[in-house]
């Protein structure tokens, strides 16, 4: 699997757990507000991280860890993801997967194989094809959009701990959009504010919500 980076320990990526984080290289979406362009755009890719270095660390410090978070990029575009996770599970660690939901077949395979403990799916916008496609840089067709909807259903019925989250951008999302998403996804839904410091497409001149506006958004949509 193409690994772009590895964080040895974190307390925030898997709530309630000490985890390592594996960052995969490559993504099939082109969200202009993405804050990890080096994981998405091939021309920005660095030399892949040595997979064995990751496992050497996990084996050595497994007593100090609870889990491994696999994020991206988009992890599910890698066909060897199941084998990679199998190695993690054999060490005795839990696995949290971050995904954009474009590959429900892979999600189903991982869930049915008992390889996941937590799934976090990025919901880019309301589940409307036109809005969604604009938000992800016009990178999807209706088949891929249907796959995203399938992934939502799979995750909701997985029996696993899960979370849906949306990065809110003033240029794409309104208060009404956030309210609709909150109503649809309920207590498993979270929003995070767009970070304008590093973006995939600077030409879009994207606008973020102010800290005060974001606090209002969170407050207005708490269940």
N, C-alpha and C. Protein backbone atom coordinates (compact mmCIF):
# COMPACT_ATOMS: atom_id res chain seq x y z
N UNK A 1 0.84 -1.19 0.00
CA UNK A 1 0.00 0.00 0.00
C UNK A 1 0.88 1.24 0.00
N UNK A 2 0.46 2.28 -0.67
CA UNK A 2 1.25 3.51 -0.74
C UNK A 2 0.97 4.37 0.49
N UNK A 3 1.97 4.46 1.34
CA UNK A 3 1.85 5.21 2.59
C UNK A 3 2.63 6.51 2.47
N UNK A 4 1.93 7.62 2.68
CA UNK A 4 2.56 8.93 2.53
C UNK A 4 3.16 9.42 3.84
N UNK A 5 2.64 8.94 4.96
CA UNK A 5 3.15 9.40 6.24
C UNK A 5 2.66 8.54 7.39
N UNK A 6 3.29 8.72 8.54
CA UNK A 6 2.97 7.91 9.71
C UNK A 6 3.14 8.74 10.97
N UNK A 7 2.08 8.88 11.76
CA UNK A 7 2.13 9.57 13.05
C UNK A 7 2.17 8.49 14.13
N UNK A 8 3.17 8.52 14.96
CA UNK A 8 3.39 7.42 15.90
C UNK A 8 2.34 7.34 17.00
N UNK A 9 1.98 8.48 17.56
CA UNK A 9 0.98 8.46 18.64
C UNK A 9 0.13 9.72 18.63
N UNK A 10 -1.17 9.53 18.86
CA UNK A 10 -2.10 10.65 18.97
C UNK A 10 -3.24 10.26 19.90
N UNK A 11 -3.80 11.26 20.56
CA UNK A 11 -4.93 11.04 21.47
C UNK A 11 -6.24 11.55 20.89
N UNK A 12 -6.19 12.16 19.68
CA UNK A 12 -7.38 12.82 19.15
C UNK A 12 -8.02 12.14 17.95
N UNK A 13 -7.30 11.28 17.25
CA UNK A 13 -7.84 10.72 16.01
C UNK A 13 -8.82 9.58 16.23
N UNK A 14 -8.68 8.87 17.34
CA UNK A 14 -9.61 7.80 17.69
C UNK A 14 -10.04 8.08 19.12
N UNK A 15 -11.18 8.76 19.30
CA UNK A 15 -11.60 9.19 20.63
C UNK A 15 -11.54 8.07 21.68
N UNK A 16 -10.87 8.38 22.79
CA UNK A 16 -10.77 7.42 23.88
C UNK A 16 -9.67 6.41 23.73
N UNK A 17 -8.86 6.55 22.69
CA UNK A 17 -7.80 5.58 22.42
C UNK A 17 -6.49 6.27 22.09
N UNK A 18 -5.39 5.62 22.45
CA UNK A 18 -4.07 6.03 21.99
C UNK A 18 -3.83 5.32 20.67
N UNK A 19 -3.59 6.08 19.63
CA UNK A 19 -3.48 5.44 18.32
C UNK A 19 -2.31 5.98 17.51
N UNK A 20 -1.89 5.18 16.55
CA UNK A 20 -1.00 5.63 15.49
C UNK A 20 -1.86 5.98 14.29
N UNK A 21 -1.33 6.80 13.39
CA UNK A 21 -2.09 7.19 12.20
C UNK A 21 -1.27 6.91 10.95
N UNK A 22 -1.89 6.20 10.01
CA UNK A 22 -1.28 5.91 8.71
C UNK A 22 -1.98 6.77 7.66
N UNK A 23 -1.20 7.55 6.92
CA UNK A 23 -1.74 8.40 5.86
C UNK A 23 -1.46 7.75 4.50
N UNK A 24 -2.52 7.38 3.79
CA UNK A 24 -2.33 6.76 2.48
C UNK A 24 -2.23 7.83 1.40
N UNK A 25 -1.63 7.44 0.30
CA UNK A 25 -1.35 8.35 -0.79
C UNK A 25 -2.33 8.14 -1.94
N UNK A 26 -2.94 9.22 -2.41
CA UNK A 26 -3.86 9.14 -3.53
C UNK A 26 -5.31 9.31 -3.12
N UNK A 27 -6.09 9.97 -3.97
CA UNK A 27 -7.51 10.17 -3.71
C UNK A 27 -8.23 10.30 -5.05
N UNK A 28 -9.48 9.85 -5.08
CA UNK A 28 -10.27 9.92 -6.31
C UNK A 28 -11.20 11.12 -6.36
N UNK A 29 -11.13 12.00 -5.34
CA UNK A 29 -11.89 13.25 -5.36
C UNK A 29 -10.93 14.43 -5.47
N UNK A 30 -11.47 15.60 -5.81
CA UNK A 30 -10.65 16.80 -5.97
C UNK A 30 -11.30 17.99 -5.28
N UNK A 31 -11.58 17.83 -4.00
CA UNK A 31 -12.20 18.90 -3.21
C UNK A 31 -11.23 20.08 -3.14
N UNK A 32 -11.65 21.23 -3.62
CA UNK A 32 -10.77 22.39 -3.67
C UNK A 32 -10.28 22.84 -2.32
N UNK A 33 -11.06 22.56 -1.26
CA UNK A 33 -10.71 22.99 0.10
C UNK A 33 -9.87 21.96 0.85
N UNK A 34 -9.52 20.86 0.21
CA UNK A 34 -8.73 19.81 0.87
C UNK A 34 -7.44 20.41 1.43
N UNK A 35 -7.13 20.09 2.69
CA UNK A 35 -5.93 20.64 3.33
C UNK A 35 -4.74 19.69 3.24
N UNK A 36 -4.90 18.61 2.45
CA UNK A 36 -3.79 17.67 2.25
C UNK A 36 -3.51 17.44 0.76
N UNK A 37 -3.23 18.50 0.00
CA UNK A 37 -2.99 18.31 -1.43
C UNK A 37 -1.83 17.38 -1.75
N UNK A 38 -0.88 17.27 -0.82
CA UNK A 38 0.27 16.39 -1.03
C UNK A 38 -0.12 14.92 -0.96
N UNK A 39 -1.32 14.63 -0.45
CA UNK A 39 -1.81 13.26 -0.42
C UNK A 39 -2.74 12.96 -1.59
N UNK A 40 -3.11 13.99 -2.34
CA UNK A 40 -4.12 13.87 -3.38
C UNK A 40 -3.54 14.02 -4.79
N UNK A 41 -2.74 15.04 -4.99
CA UNK A 41 -2.23 15.36 -6.33
C UNK A 41 -0.93 14.61 -6.61
N UNK A 42 -0.91 13.77 -7.66
CA UNK A 42 0.29 12.98 -7.96
C UNK A 42 1.56 13.81 -8.10
N UNK A 43 1.44 15.02 -8.64
CA UNK A 43 2.63 15.85 -8.83
C UNK A 43 3.22 16.33 -7.51
N UNK A 44 2.47 16.18 -6.43
CA UNK A 44 2.95 16.59 -5.11
C UNK A 44 3.35 15.40 -4.23
N UNK A 45 3.23 14.18 -4.76
CA UNK A 45 3.54 13.00 -3.96
C UNK A 45 5.02 12.96 -3.58
N UNK A 46 5.27 12.58 -2.36
CA UNK A 46 6.63 12.33 -1.90
C UNK A 46 6.91 10.84 -2.05
N UNK A 47 8.12 10.44 -1.76
CA UNK A 47 8.47 9.03 -1.81
C UNK A 47 7.65 8.27 -0.77
N UNK A 48 7.00 7.17 -1.15
CA UNK A 48 6.17 6.42 -0.19
C UNK A 48 6.95 5.98 1.04
N UNK A 49 6.27 5.99 2.17
CA UNK A 49 6.83 5.56 3.44
C UNK A 49 6.99 4.05 3.43
N UNK A 50 8.04 3.56 4.05
CA UNK A 50 8.31 2.12 4.10
C UNK A 50 7.29 1.43 5.02
N UNK A 51 6.51 0.53 4.45
CA UNK A 51 5.46 -0.16 5.21
C UNK A 51 6.02 -0.94 6.39
N UNK A 52 7.18 -1.55 6.20
CA UNK A 52 7.75 -2.36 7.28
C UNK A 52 8.18 -1.51 8.47
N UNK A 53 8.53 -0.24 8.21
CA UNK A 53 8.85 0.64 9.33
C UNK A 53 7.64 0.86 10.21
N UNK A 54 6.47 0.95 9.57
CA UNK A 54 5.22 1.11 10.32
C UNK A 54 5.00 -0.10 11.22
N UNK A 55 5.11 -1.29 10.66
CA UNK A 55 4.85 -2.49 11.43
C UNK A 55 5.92 -2.75 12.48
N UNK A 56 7.15 -2.37 12.20
CA UNK A 56 8.20 -2.51 13.21
C UNK A 56 7.86 -1.68 14.44
N UNK A 57 7.34 -0.47 14.20
CA UNK A 57 6.96 0.38 15.32
C UNK A 57 5.76 -0.19 16.06
N UNK A 58 4.75 -0.65 15.30
CA UNK A 58 3.54 -1.18 15.94
C UNK A 58 3.85 -2.40 16.79
N UNK A 59 4.69 -3.28 16.28
CA UNK A 59 5.08 -4.46 17.05
C UNK A 59 5.84 -4.07 18.32
N UNK A 60 6.75 -3.13 18.17
CA UNK A 60 7.60 -2.75 19.29
C UNK A 60 6.83 -2.05 20.41
N UNK A 61 5.83 -1.22 20.02
CA UNK A 61 5.13 -0.41 21.01
C UNK A 61 3.66 -0.76 21.15
N UNK A 62 3.30 -1.97 20.78
CA UNK A 62 1.90 -2.36 20.82
C UNK A 62 1.30 -2.27 22.22
N UNK A 63 2.11 -2.43 23.24
CA UNK A 63 1.60 -2.34 24.62
C UNK A 63 1.23 -0.91 25.00
N UNK A 64 1.71 0.06 24.23
CA UNK A 64 1.43 1.47 24.52
C UNK A 64 0.33 2.03 23.62
N UNK A 65 -0.21 1.19 22.72
CA UNK A 65 -1.20 1.63 21.75
C UNK A 65 -2.51 0.86 21.91
N UNK A 66 -3.59 1.50 21.49
CA UNK A 66 -4.89 0.84 21.44
C UNK A 66 -5.33 0.56 20.01
N UNK A 67 -4.89 1.42 19.09
CA UNK A 67 -5.48 1.35 17.75
C UNK A 67 -4.58 1.99 16.70
N UNK A 68 -4.98 1.78 15.45
CA UNK A 68 -4.37 2.44 14.30
C UNK A 68 -5.47 3.08 13.48
N UNK A 69 -5.29 4.35 13.16
CA UNK A 69 -6.23 5.06 12.28
C UNK A 69 -5.64 5.09 10.88
N UNK A 70 -6.45 4.73 9.89
CA UNK A 70 -6.00 4.74 8.50
C UNK A 70 -6.80 5.81 7.77
N UNK A 71 -6.08 6.80 7.25
CA UNK A 71 -6.73 7.94 6.63
C UNK A 71 -6.01 8.27 5.33
N UNK A 72 -6.33 9.37 4.72
CA UNK A 72 -5.71 9.68 3.44
C UNK A 72 -5.56 11.15 3.20
N UNK A 73 -5.67 11.42 1.87
CA UNK A 73 -6.00 10.55 0.76
C UNK A 73 -7.28 9.78 0.99
N UNK A 74 -7.41 8.72 0.17
CA UNK A 74 -8.56 7.82 0.31
C UNK A 74 -8.06 6.38 0.39
N UNK A 75 -8.09 5.78 1.58
CA UNK A 75 -7.54 4.43 1.76
C UNK A 75 -8.19 3.35 0.91
N UNK A 76 -9.49 3.47 0.61
CA UNK A 76 -10.17 2.36 -0.06
C UNK A 76 -9.83 2.22 -1.54
N UNK A 77 -9.03 3.14 -2.09
CA UNK A 77 -8.61 2.96 -3.48
C UNK A 77 -7.46 1.96 -3.59
N UNK A 78 -6.91 1.54 -2.45
CA UNK A 78 -5.79 0.61 -2.44
C UNK A 78 -6.31 -0.83 -2.28
N UNK A 79 -6.08 -1.65 -3.28
CA UNK A 79 -6.61 -3.01 -3.27
C UNK A 79 -6.03 -3.88 -2.17
N UNK A 80 -4.84 -3.54 -1.68
CA UNK A 80 -4.21 -4.34 -0.63
C UNK A 80 -4.55 -3.82 0.77
N UNK A 81 -5.53 -2.94 0.89
CA UNK A 81 -5.94 -2.43 2.20
C UNK A 81 -6.36 -3.54 3.15
N UNK A 82 -7.16 -4.53 2.71
CA UNK A 82 -7.54 -5.61 3.64
C UNK A 82 -6.34 -6.35 4.23
N UNK A 83 -5.36 -6.66 3.41
CA UNK A 83 -4.18 -7.38 3.91
C UNK A 83 -3.40 -6.52 4.90
N UNK A 84 -3.35 -5.23 4.61
CA UNK A 84 -2.66 -4.31 5.52
C UNK A 84 -3.34 -4.30 6.88
N UNK A 85 -4.66 -4.22 6.87
CA UNK A 85 -5.41 -4.19 8.14
C UNK A 85 -5.32 -5.53 8.86
N UNK A 86 -5.32 -6.62 8.10
CA UNK A 86 -5.18 -7.94 8.73
C UNK A 86 -3.91 -8.01 9.57
N UNK A 87 -2.83 -7.44 9.07
CA UNK A 87 -1.57 -7.44 9.81
C UNK A 87 -1.69 -6.63 11.10
N UNK A 88 -2.43 -5.53 11.03
CA UNK A 88 -2.64 -4.71 12.23
C UNK A 88 -3.46 -5.47 13.27
N UNK A 89 -4.52 -6.13 12.79
CA UNK A 89 -5.40 -6.85 13.73
C UNK A 89 -4.66 -8.01 14.40
N UNK A 90 -3.74 -8.63 13.68
CA UNK A 90 -2.97 -9.73 14.26
C UNK A 90 -2.08 -9.26 15.40
N UNK A 91 -1.73 -7.97 15.39
CA UNK A 91 -0.94 -7.42 16.49
C UNK A 91 -1.82 -7.22 17.72
N UNK A 92 -3.13 -7.15 17.50
CA UNK A 92 -4.06 -6.97 18.61
C UNK A 92 -4.57 -5.56 18.77
N UNK A 93 -4.43 -4.75 17.72
CA UNK A 93 -4.86 -3.36 17.77
C UNK A 93 -6.17 -3.14 17.04
N UNK A 94 -6.95 -2.18 17.52
CA UNK A 94 -8.19 -1.81 16.84
C UNK A 94 -7.86 -0.96 15.61
N UNK A 95 -8.83 -0.87 14.70
CA UNK A 95 -8.62 -0.10 13.47
C UNK A 95 -9.79 0.85 13.22
N UNK A 96 -9.44 2.10 13.01
CA UNK A 96 -10.41 3.12 12.59
C UNK A 96 -10.09 3.51 11.16
N UNK A 97 -11.11 3.54 10.31
CA UNK A 97 -10.92 3.89 8.91
C UNK A 97 -11.62 5.21 8.60
N UNK A 98 -10.89 6.13 7.96
CA UNK A 98 -11.48 7.36 7.43
C UNK A 98 -11.67 7.16 5.93
N UNK A 99 -12.87 7.48 5.42
CA UNK A 99 -13.15 7.24 4.01
C UNK A 99 -14.10 8.28 3.45
N UNK A 100 -14.04 8.46 2.13
CA UNK A 100 -15.01 9.34 1.46
C UNK A 100 -16.24 8.56 0.96
N UNK A 101 -16.24 7.26 1.17
CA UNK A 101 -17.42 6.46 0.85
C UNK A 101 -17.64 6.13 -0.61
N UNK A 102 -16.64 6.35 -1.45
CA UNK A 102 -16.84 6.09 -2.88
C UNK A 102 -16.67 4.62 -3.25
N UNK A 103 -16.22 3.79 -2.31
CA UNK A 103 -15.99 2.38 -2.60
C UNK A 103 -16.76 1.49 -1.61
N UNK A 104 -18.08 1.38 -1.78
CA UNK A 104 -18.87 0.56 -0.85
C UNK A 104 -18.50 -0.92 -0.87
N UNK A 105 -18.01 -1.40 -2.01
CA UNK A 105 -17.59 -2.80 -2.10
C UNK A 105 -16.45 -3.09 -1.13
N UNK A 106 -15.48 -2.20 -1.08
CA UNK A 106 -14.36 -2.36 -0.15
C UNK A 106 -14.84 -2.23 1.28
N UNK A 107 -15.71 -1.26 1.55
CA UNK A 107 -16.23 -1.10 2.91
C UNK A 107 -16.94 -2.36 3.38
N UNK A 108 -17.79 -2.90 2.52
CA UNK A 108 -18.52 -4.12 2.86
C UNK A 108 -17.57 -5.27 3.12
N UNK A 109 -16.54 -5.39 2.32
CA UNK A 109 -15.55 -6.46 2.49
C UNK A 109 -14.85 -6.33 3.84
N UNK A 110 -14.45 -5.13 4.19
CA UNK A 110 -13.74 -4.91 5.45
C UNK A 110 -14.64 -5.18 6.65
N UNK A 111 -15.89 -4.75 6.54
CA UNK A 111 -16.84 -4.96 7.65
C UNK A 111 -17.16 -6.45 7.80
N UNK A 112 -17.44 -7.11 6.69
CA UNK A 112 -17.79 -8.53 6.74
C UNK A 112 -16.63 -9.39 7.23
N UNK A 113 -15.41 -8.89 7.05
CA UNK A 113 -14.23 -9.63 7.49
C UNK A 113 -13.81 -9.27 8.92
N UNK A 114 -14.63 -8.46 9.58
CA UNK A 114 -14.36 -8.04 10.96
C UNK A 114 -13.01 -7.35 11.11
N UNK A 115 -12.70 -6.50 10.13
CA UNK A 115 -11.41 -5.82 10.13
C UNK A 115 -11.49 -4.39 10.66
N UNK A 116 -12.69 -3.89 10.91
CA UNK A 116 -12.85 -2.50 11.36
C UNK A 116 -13.54 -2.43 12.71
N UNK A 117 -13.18 -1.40 13.46
CA UNK A 117 -13.82 -1.13 14.75
C UNK A 117 -14.54 0.21 14.76
N UNK A 118 -14.15 1.10 13.87
CA UNK A 118 -14.72 2.45 13.82
C UNK A 118 -14.59 2.93 12.38
N UNK A 119 -15.65 3.55 11.86
CA UNK A 119 -15.61 4.13 10.52
C UNK A 119 -16.01 5.60 10.60
N UNK A 120 -15.20 6.47 10.02
CA UNK A 120 -15.54 7.88 9.90
C UNK A 120 -15.64 8.21 8.41
N UNK A 121 -16.80 8.66 7.99
CA UNK A 121 -17.00 8.97 6.57
C UNK A 121 -17.20 10.46 6.39
N UNK A 122 -16.47 11.03 5.46
CA UNK A 122 -16.64 12.43 5.11
C UNK A 122 -17.85 12.59 4.20
N UNK A 123 -18.79 13.39 4.65
CA UNK A 123 -19.95 13.75 3.83
C UNK A 123 -19.67 15.15 3.30
N UNK A 124 -19.50 15.28 2.01
CA UNK A 124 -19.04 16.55 1.45
C UNK A 124 -20.15 17.61 1.37
N UNK A 125 -21.38 17.13 1.23
CA UNK A 125 -22.50 18.07 1.14
C UNK A 125 -23.79 17.28 1.33
N UNK A 126 -24.93 17.98 1.26
CA UNK A 126 -26.20 17.27 1.24
C UNK A 126 -26.17 16.24 0.11
N UNK A 127 -26.92 15.15 0.28
CA UNK A 127 -26.88 14.07 -0.71
C UNK A 127 -27.73 14.41 -1.93
N UNK A 128 -27.28 15.45 -2.60
CA UNK A 128 -27.84 15.93 -3.86
C UNK A 128 -26.71 15.91 -4.88
N UNK A 129 -26.90 15.25 -6.00
CA UNK A 129 -25.80 15.03 -6.93
C UNK A 129 -25.13 16.33 -7.37
N UNK A 130 -25.90 17.32 -7.76
CA UNK A 130 -25.32 18.57 -8.26
C UNK A 130 -24.48 19.27 -7.20
N UNK A 131 -25.02 19.38 -5.99
CA UNK A 131 -24.28 20.02 -4.90
C UNK A 131 -23.02 19.24 -4.55
N UNK A 132 -23.16 17.94 -4.48
CA UNK A 132 -22.04 17.08 -4.11
C UNK A 132 -20.93 17.16 -5.15
N UNK A 133 -21.29 17.06 -6.41
CA UNK A 133 -20.30 17.04 -7.48
C UNK A 133 -19.52 18.36 -7.54
N UNK A 134 -20.21 19.46 -7.36
CA UNK A 134 -19.54 20.77 -7.33
C UNK A 134 -18.55 20.83 -6.18
N UNK A 135 -18.95 20.32 -5.03
CA UNK A 135 -18.11 20.40 -3.83
C UNK A 135 -16.84 19.56 -3.96
N UNK A 136 -16.92 18.44 -4.67
CA UNK A 136 -15.75 17.55 -4.80
C UNK A 136 -14.97 17.82 -6.08
N UNK A 137 -15.13 19.00 -6.65
CA UNK A 137 -14.34 19.37 -7.81
C UNK A 137 -14.79 18.71 -9.09
N UNK A 138 -16.10 18.41 -9.19
CA UNK A 138 -16.69 17.76 -10.37
C UNK A 138 -15.95 16.46 -10.73
N UNK A 139 -15.63 15.70 -9.66
CA UNK A 139 -14.83 14.48 -9.84
C UNK A 139 -15.67 13.21 -9.87
N UNK A 140 -17.00 13.32 -9.70
CA UNK A 140 -17.83 12.12 -9.65
C UNK A 140 -18.90 12.13 -10.74
N UNK A 141 -19.37 10.93 -11.06
CA UNK A 141 -20.55 10.79 -11.91
C UNK A 141 -21.68 10.23 -11.04
N UNK A 142 -22.82 9.96 -11.65
CA UNK A 142 -23.96 9.51 -10.84
C UNK A 142 -23.75 8.11 -10.26
N UNK A 143 -22.95 7.29 -10.93
CA UNK A 143 -22.65 5.96 -10.39
C UNK A 143 -21.86 6.08 -9.10
N UNK A 144 -20.84 6.94 -9.10
CA UNK A 144 -20.04 7.14 -7.90
C UNK A 144 -20.89 7.77 -6.80
N UNK A 145 -21.78 8.68 -7.17
CA UNK A 145 -22.67 9.30 -6.18
C UNK A 145 -23.58 8.24 -5.55
N UNK A 146 -24.07 7.32 -6.37
CA UNK A 146 -24.88 6.22 -5.83
C UNK A 146 -24.05 5.36 -4.88
N UNK A 147 -22.76 5.19 -5.21
CA UNK A 147 -21.87 4.43 -4.32
C UNK A 147 -21.72 5.12 -2.97
N UNK A 148 -21.65 6.44 -2.98
CA UNK A 148 -21.55 7.20 -1.74
C UNK A 148 -22.80 6.97 -0.89
N UNK A 149 -23.95 6.99 -1.51
CA UNK A 149 -25.20 6.76 -0.78
C UNK A 149 -25.24 5.33 -0.23
N UNK A 150 -24.73 4.38 -1.01
CA UNK A 150 -24.68 2.99 -0.54
C UNK A 150 -23.78 2.87 0.69
N UNK A 151 -22.65 3.58 0.65
CA UNK A 151 -21.73 3.52 1.78
C UNK A 151 -22.36 4.06 3.05
N UNK A 152 -23.13 5.12 2.92
CA UNK A 152 -23.84 5.68 4.07
C UNK A 152 -24.73 4.60 4.69
N UNK A 153 -25.47 3.90 3.86
CA UNK A 153 -26.38 2.86 4.35
C UNK A 153 -25.61 1.70 4.99
N UNK A 154 -24.52 1.30 4.34
CA UNK A 154 -23.70 0.21 4.88
C UNK A 154 -23.17 0.56 6.26
N UNK A 155 -22.65 1.78 6.39
CA UNK A 155 -22.07 2.21 7.66
C UNK A 155 -23.14 2.29 8.75
N UNK A 156 -24.28 2.86 8.41
CA UNK A 156 -25.35 3.00 9.40
C UNK A 156 -25.86 1.65 9.90
N UNK A 157 -25.74 0.63 9.08
CA UNK A 157 -26.22 -0.69 9.45
C UNK A 157 -25.11 -1.67 9.78
N UNK A 158 -23.91 -1.16 9.99
CA UNK A 158 -22.74 -2.02 10.21
C UNK A 158 -22.67 -2.61 11.62
N UNK A 159 -23.31 -1.96 12.57
CA UNK A 159 -23.17 -2.39 13.96
C UNK A 159 -21.89 -1.90 14.60
N UNK A 160 -21.11 -1.13 13.85
CA UNK A 160 -19.85 -0.59 14.36
C UNK A 160 -20.03 0.83 14.85
N UNK A 161 -19.08 1.29 15.61
CA UNK A 161 -19.04 2.69 15.98
C UNK A 161 -18.73 3.49 14.71
N UNK A 162 -19.47 4.58 14.48
CA UNK A 162 -19.25 5.34 13.25
C UNK A 162 -19.52 6.82 13.47
N UNK A 163 -19.04 7.59 12.48
CA UNK A 163 -19.21 9.04 12.52
C UNK A 163 -19.29 9.56 11.10
N UNK A 164 -20.19 10.48 10.85
CA UNK A 164 -20.23 11.22 9.59
C UNK A 164 -19.80 12.65 9.91
N UNK A 165 -19.01 13.24 9.03
CA UNK A 165 -18.50 14.58 9.31
C UNK A 165 -18.42 15.39 8.02
N UNK A 166 -18.65 16.67 8.16
CA UNK A 166 -18.60 17.57 7.02
C UNK A 166 -17.70 18.75 7.33
N UNK A 167 -16.78 19.03 6.42
CA UNK A 167 -15.99 20.24 6.51
C UNK A 167 -16.82 21.35 5.88
N UNK A 168 -17.18 22.34 6.68
CA UNK A 168 -18.06 23.39 6.18
C UNK A 168 -17.25 24.54 5.62
N UNK A 169 -17.63 24.98 4.42
CA UNK A 169 -16.96 26.05 3.70
C UNK A 169 -18.03 27.06 3.29
N UNK A 170 -17.83 28.32 3.63
CA UNK A 170 -18.84 29.33 3.31
C UNK A 170 -19.17 29.33 1.82
N UNK A 171 -18.18 29.05 1.00
CA UNK A 171 -18.37 29.07 -0.45
C UNK A 171 -19.29 27.96 -0.95
N UNK A 172 -19.48 26.90 -0.13
CA UNK A 172 -20.29 25.76 -0.55
C UNK A 172 -21.50 25.50 0.34
N UNK A 173 -21.38 25.79 1.62
CA UNK A 173 -22.40 25.37 2.57
C UNK A 173 -23.10 26.55 3.23
N UNK A 174 -24.41 26.42 3.36
CA UNK A 174 -25.22 27.43 4.06
C UNK A 174 -25.65 26.88 5.41
N UNK A 175 -26.22 27.75 6.24
CA UNK A 175 -26.75 27.29 7.52
C UNK A 175 -27.84 26.24 7.29
N UNK A 176 -28.62 26.43 6.26
CA UNK A 176 -29.69 25.48 5.95
C UNK A 176 -29.10 24.12 5.60
N UNK A 177 -28.01 24.11 4.82
CA UNK A 177 -27.36 22.85 4.46
C UNK A 177 -26.92 22.08 5.70
N UNK A 178 -26.30 22.80 6.64
CA UNK A 178 -25.81 22.16 7.86
C UNK A 178 -26.98 21.63 8.69
N UNK A 179 -28.06 22.39 8.74
CA UNK A 179 -29.24 21.95 9.49
C UNK A 179 -29.83 20.68 8.89
N UNK A 180 -29.88 20.61 7.57
CA UNK A 180 -30.42 19.43 6.89
C UNK A 180 -29.54 18.21 7.15
N UNK A 181 -28.22 18.39 7.07
CA UNK A 181 -27.30 17.29 7.32
C UNK A 181 -27.39 16.81 8.77
N UNK A 182 -27.50 17.76 9.69
CA UNK A 182 -27.61 17.39 11.10
C UNK A 182 -28.88 16.59 11.36
N UNK A 183 -29.97 17.02 10.75
CA UNK A 183 -31.23 16.30 10.91
C UNK A 183 -31.15 14.90 10.32
N UNK A 184 -30.47 14.76 9.18
CA UNK A 184 -30.37 13.47 8.51
C UNK A 184 -29.49 12.49 9.26
N UNK A 185 -28.36 12.95 9.79
CA UNK A 185 -27.38 12.04 10.37
C UNK A 185 -27.36 12.02 11.89
N UNK A 186 -28.06 12.95 12.52
CA UNK A 186 -28.28 12.89 13.95
C UNK A 186 -27.03 12.97 14.80
N UNK A 187 -27.02 12.21 15.88
CA UNK A 187 -25.96 12.29 16.88
C UNK A 187 -24.61 11.82 16.36
N UNK A 188 -24.59 11.13 15.23
CA UNK A 188 -23.33 10.64 14.67
C UNK A 188 -22.72 11.62 13.68
N UNK A 189 -23.26 12.85 13.64
CA UNK A 189 -22.78 13.84 12.68
C UNK A 189 -22.01 14.96 13.36
N UNK A 190 -20.88 15.34 12.76
CA UNK A 190 -20.07 16.44 13.26
C UNK A 190 -19.66 17.35 12.12
N UNK A 191 -19.44 18.62 12.44
CA UNK A 191 -18.91 19.54 11.44
C UNK A 191 -17.55 20.04 11.91
N UNK A 192 -16.71 20.36 10.93
CA UNK A 192 -15.41 20.97 11.22
C UNK A 192 -15.22 22.14 10.28
N UNK A 193 -14.59 23.18 10.75
CA UNK A 193 -14.44 24.39 9.95
C UNK A 193 -13.30 24.24 8.95
N UNK A 194 -13.50 24.77 7.77
CA UNK A 194 -12.51 24.78 6.71
C UNK A 194 -11.27 25.56 7.15
N UNK A 195 -10.11 24.99 6.87
CA UNK A 195 -8.83 25.64 7.16
C UNK A 195 -8.28 26.20 5.85
N UNK A 196 -8.16 27.51 5.77
CA UNK A 196 -7.78 28.15 4.51
C UNK A 196 -6.27 28.27 4.31
N UNK A 197 -5.48 27.80 5.27
CA UNK A 197 -4.03 27.99 5.18
C UNK A 197 -3.41 27.21 4.03
N UNK A 198 -3.85 25.95 3.86
CA UNK A 198 -3.35 25.10 2.76
C UNK A 198 -4.55 24.50 2.07
N UNK A 199 -4.66 24.69 0.75
CA UNK A 199 -5.80 24.15 0.01
C UNK A 199 -5.33 23.49 -1.28
N UNK A 200 -6.16 22.62 -1.79
CA UNK A 200 -5.81 21.93 -3.02
C UNK A 200 -5.91 22.85 -4.23
N UNK A 201 -6.92 23.73 -4.24
CA UNK A 201 -7.13 24.62 -5.39
C UNK A 201 -7.22 26.07 -4.93
N UNK A 202 -6.09 26.77 -4.84
CA UNK A 202 -6.09 28.17 -4.37
C UNK A 202 -6.87 29.10 -5.29
N UNK A 203 -7.03 28.73 -6.56
CA UNK A 203 -7.72 29.59 -7.52
C UNK A 203 -9.19 29.80 -7.19
N UNK A 204 -9.75 28.93 -6.37
CA UNK A 204 -11.17 29.05 -6.02
C UNK A 204 -11.43 30.19 -5.04
N UNK A 205 -10.39 30.66 -4.36
CA UNK A 205 -10.52 31.74 -3.38
C UNK A 205 -11.67 31.45 -2.41
N UNK A 206 -11.58 30.32 -1.78
CA UNK A 206 -12.65 29.83 -0.90
C UNK A 206 -12.73 30.65 0.39
N UNK A 207 -13.93 30.79 0.89
CA UNK A 207 -14.15 31.56 2.12
C UNK A 207 -14.53 30.62 3.26
N UNK A 208 -14.00 30.89 4.44
CA UNK A 208 -14.32 30.09 5.60
C UNK A 208 -15.25 30.86 6.53
N UNK A 209 -15.94 30.14 7.38
CA UNK A 209 -16.75 30.78 8.40
C UNK A 209 -15.82 31.33 9.47
N UNK A 210 -16.16 32.50 10.00
CA UNK A 210 -15.36 33.03 11.11
C UNK A 210 -15.54 32.12 12.32
N UNK A 211 -14.66 32.26 13.29
CA UNK A 211 -14.75 31.43 14.49
C UNK A 211 -16.11 31.62 15.16
N UNK A 212 -16.59 32.87 15.20
CA UNK A 212 -17.89 33.15 15.82
C UNK A 212 -19.02 32.50 15.03
N UNK A 213 -18.95 32.62 13.70
CA UNK A 213 -19.99 32.03 12.85
C UNK A 213 -20.01 30.52 13.00
N UNK A 214 -18.82 29.93 13.09
CA UNK A 214 -18.75 28.48 13.23
C UNK A 214 -19.34 28.04 14.58
N UNK A 215 -19.03 28.77 15.62
CA UNK A 215 -19.60 28.46 16.93
C UNK A 215 -21.12 28.52 16.89
N UNK A 216 -21.65 29.50 16.16
CA UNK A 216 -23.10 29.61 16.01
C UNK A 216 -23.67 28.41 15.25
N UNK A 217 -22.95 27.99 14.21
CA UNK A 217 -23.39 26.83 13.44
C UNK A 217 -23.46 25.59 14.32
N UNK A 218 -22.42 25.39 15.11
CA UNK A 218 -22.39 24.24 16.02
C UNK A 218 -23.53 24.33 17.03
N UNK A 219 -23.70 25.51 17.61
CA UNK A 219 -24.73 25.70 18.63
C UNK A 219 -26.13 25.51 18.09
N UNK A 220 -26.38 26.00 16.88
CA UNK A 220 -27.71 25.92 16.28
C UNK A 220 -28.07 24.51 15.87
N UNK A 221 -27.07 23.66 15.71
CA UNK A 221 -27.35 22.32 15.20
C UNK A 221 -27.00 21.22 16.18
N UNK A 222 -26.84 21.58 17.44
CA UNK A 222 -26.65 20.56 18.46
C UNK A 222 -27.98 19.88 18.76
N UNK A 223 -27.91 18.54 18.91
CA UNK A 223 -29.14 17.79 19.19
C UNK A 223 -29.39 17.71 20.69
